């Protein structure tokens, strides 16, 4: 658990980015932890940011 791979193909899974998680060991996406967000323009490999950083992101462009 806690590993993902955002692109299909060869290669190993990676640990989830900071402030995100997954309950499976072969996920294609790690969801942001409660209170953290990822902008729509961020890649699945990007860390989730907290409330303070959220204020700097464009409104309406957040994914939990």
C-alpha atoms as a PDB file:
ATOM      1  CA  UNK A   1       0.000   0.000   0.000  1.00  0.00           C
ATOM      2  CA  UNK A   2       1.021   3.590  -0.550  1.00  0.00           C
ATOM      3  CA  UNK A   3       2.586   3.136  -3.984  1.00  0.00           C
ATOM      4  CA  UNK A   4       1.431   4.258  -7.422  1.00  0.00           C
ATOM      5  CA  UNK A   5       2.439   4.602 -11.049  1.00  0.00           C
ATOM      6  CA  UNK A   6       0.804   7.386 -13.061  1.00  0.00           C
ATOM      7  CA  UNK A   7       1.807   6.071 -16.504  1.00  0.00           C
ATOM      8  CA  UNK A   8       1.334   2.625 -18.008  1.00  0.00           C
ATOM      9  CA  UNK A   9       4.314   0.614 -19.156  1.00  0.00           C
ATOM     10  CA  UNK A  10       7.487  -0.752 -17.724  1.00  0.00           C
ATOM     11  CA  UNK A  11       8.914   0.521 -14.497  1.00  0.00           C
ATOM     12  CA  UNK A  12       8.322   0.287 -10.804  1.00  0.00           C
ATOM     13  CA  UNK A  13       5.682   1.921  -8.655  1.00  0.00           C
ATOM     14  CA  UNK A  14       6.732   4.918  -6.559  1.00  0.00           C
ATOM     15  CA  UNK A  15       5.717   6.050  -3.079  1.00  0.00           C
ATOM     16  CA  UNK A  16       2.835   8.519  -3.021  1.00  0.00           C
ATOM     17  CA  UNK A  17       3.854  12.203  -3.241  1.00  0.00           C
ATOM     18  CA  UNK A  18       3.880  14.242  -0.003  1.00  0.00           C
ATOM     19  CA  UNK A  19       0.478  14.737   1.664  1.00  0.00           C
ATOM     20  CA  UNK A  20      -1.233  12.063  -0.450  1.00  0.00           C
ATOM     21  CA  UNK A  21      -2.097   8.388  -0.018  1.00  0.00           C
ATOM     22  CA  UNK A  22      -3.579   5.276  -1.555  1.00  0.00           C
ATOM     23  CA  UNK A  23      -4.796   2.102   0.104  1.00  0.00           C
ATOM     24  CA  UNK A  24      -3.730  -0.150  -2.738  1.00  0.00           C
ATOM     25  CA  UNK A  25      -0.265  -1.160  -3.854  1.00  0.00           C
ATOM     26  CA  UNK A  26      -0.807  -0.668  -7.578  1.00  0.00           C
ATOM     27  CA  UNK A  27      -2.791   2.537  -7.888  1.00  0.00           C
ATOM     28  CA  UNK A  28      -2.608   4.986 -10.810  1.00  0.00           C
ATOM     29  CA  UNK A  29      -3.280   7.963  -8.527  1.00  0.00           C
ATOM     30  CA  UNK A  30      -2.713   8.915  -4.898  1.00  0.00           C
ATOM     31  CA  UNK A  31      -5.527  10.987  -3.381  1.00  0.00           C
ATOM     32  CA  UNK A  32      -4.731  14.056  -1.320  1.00  0.00           C
ATOM     33  CA  UNK A  33      -5.046  13.662   2.445  1.00  0.00           C
ATOM     34  CA  UNK A  34      -7.787  15.579   4.224  1.00  0.00           C
ATOM     35  CA  UNK A  35      -7.023  19.317   4.213  1.00  0.00           C
ATOM     36  CA  UNK A  36      -4.636  19.084   1.245  1.00  0.00           C
ATOM     37  CA  UNK A  37      -5.277  19.827  -2.419  1.00  0.00           C
ATOM     38  CA  UNK A  38      -3.767  19.480  -5.881  1.00  0.00           C
ATOM     39  CA  UNK A  39      -4.467  21.992  -8.676  1.00  0.00           C
ATOM     40  CA  UNK A  40      -6.078  20.649 -11.867  1.00  0.00           C
ATOM     41  CA  UNK A  41      -2.936  21.677 -13.734  1.00  0.00           C
ATOM     42  CA  UNK A  42      -0.687  19.621 -11.405  1.00  0.00           C
ATOM     43  CA  UNK A  43       0.480  16.195 -12.500  1.00  0.00           C
ATOM     44  CA  UNK A  44      -0.445  13.089 -10.459  1.00  0.00           C
ATOM     45  CA  UNK A  45       3.213  13.046  -9.356  1.00  0.00           C
ATOM     46  CA  UNK A  46       2.861  16.466  -7.681  1.00  0.00           C
ATOM     47  CA  UNK A  47       2.656  16.879  -3.926  1.00  0.00           C
ATOM     48  CA  UNK A  48      -0.646  17.980  -2.432  1.00  0.00           C
ATOM     49  CA  UNK A  49      -0.567  21.398  -0.797  1.00  0.00           C
ATOM     50  CA  UNK A  50      -2.256  22.632   2.375  1.00  0.00           C
ATOM     51  CA  UNK A  51      -4.595  25.524   3.105  1.00  0.00           C
ATOM     52  CA  UNK A  52      -1.830  28.155   3.090  1.00  0.00           C
ATOM     53  CA  UNK A  53      -0.565  27.150  -0.347  1.00  0.00           C
ATOM     54  CA  UNK A  54      -4.139  26.729  -1.602  1.00  0.00           C
ATOM     55  CA  UNK A  55      -4.685  30.486  -1.350  1.00  0.00           C
ATOM     56  CA  UNK A  56      -2.078  30.977  -4.089  1.00  0.00           C
ATOM     57  CA  UNK A  57      -3.796  28.608  -6.545  1.00  0.00           C
ATOM     58  CA  UNK A  58      -6.457  29.832  -9.012  1.00  0.00           C
ATOM     59  CA  UNK A  59     -10.007  29.535  -7.679  1.00  0.00           C
ATOM     60  CA  UNK A  60     -11.976  26.584  -8.986  1.00  0.00           C
ATOM     61  CA  UNK A  61      -8.857  24.688  -9.958  1.00  0.00           C
ATOM     62  CA  UNK A  62      -8.465  22.368  -6.978  1.00  0.00           C
ATOM     63  CA  UNK A  63      -8.815  18.614  -6.641  1.00  0.00           C
ATOM     64  CA  UNK A  64      -8.987  16.934  -3.233  1.00  0.00           C
END
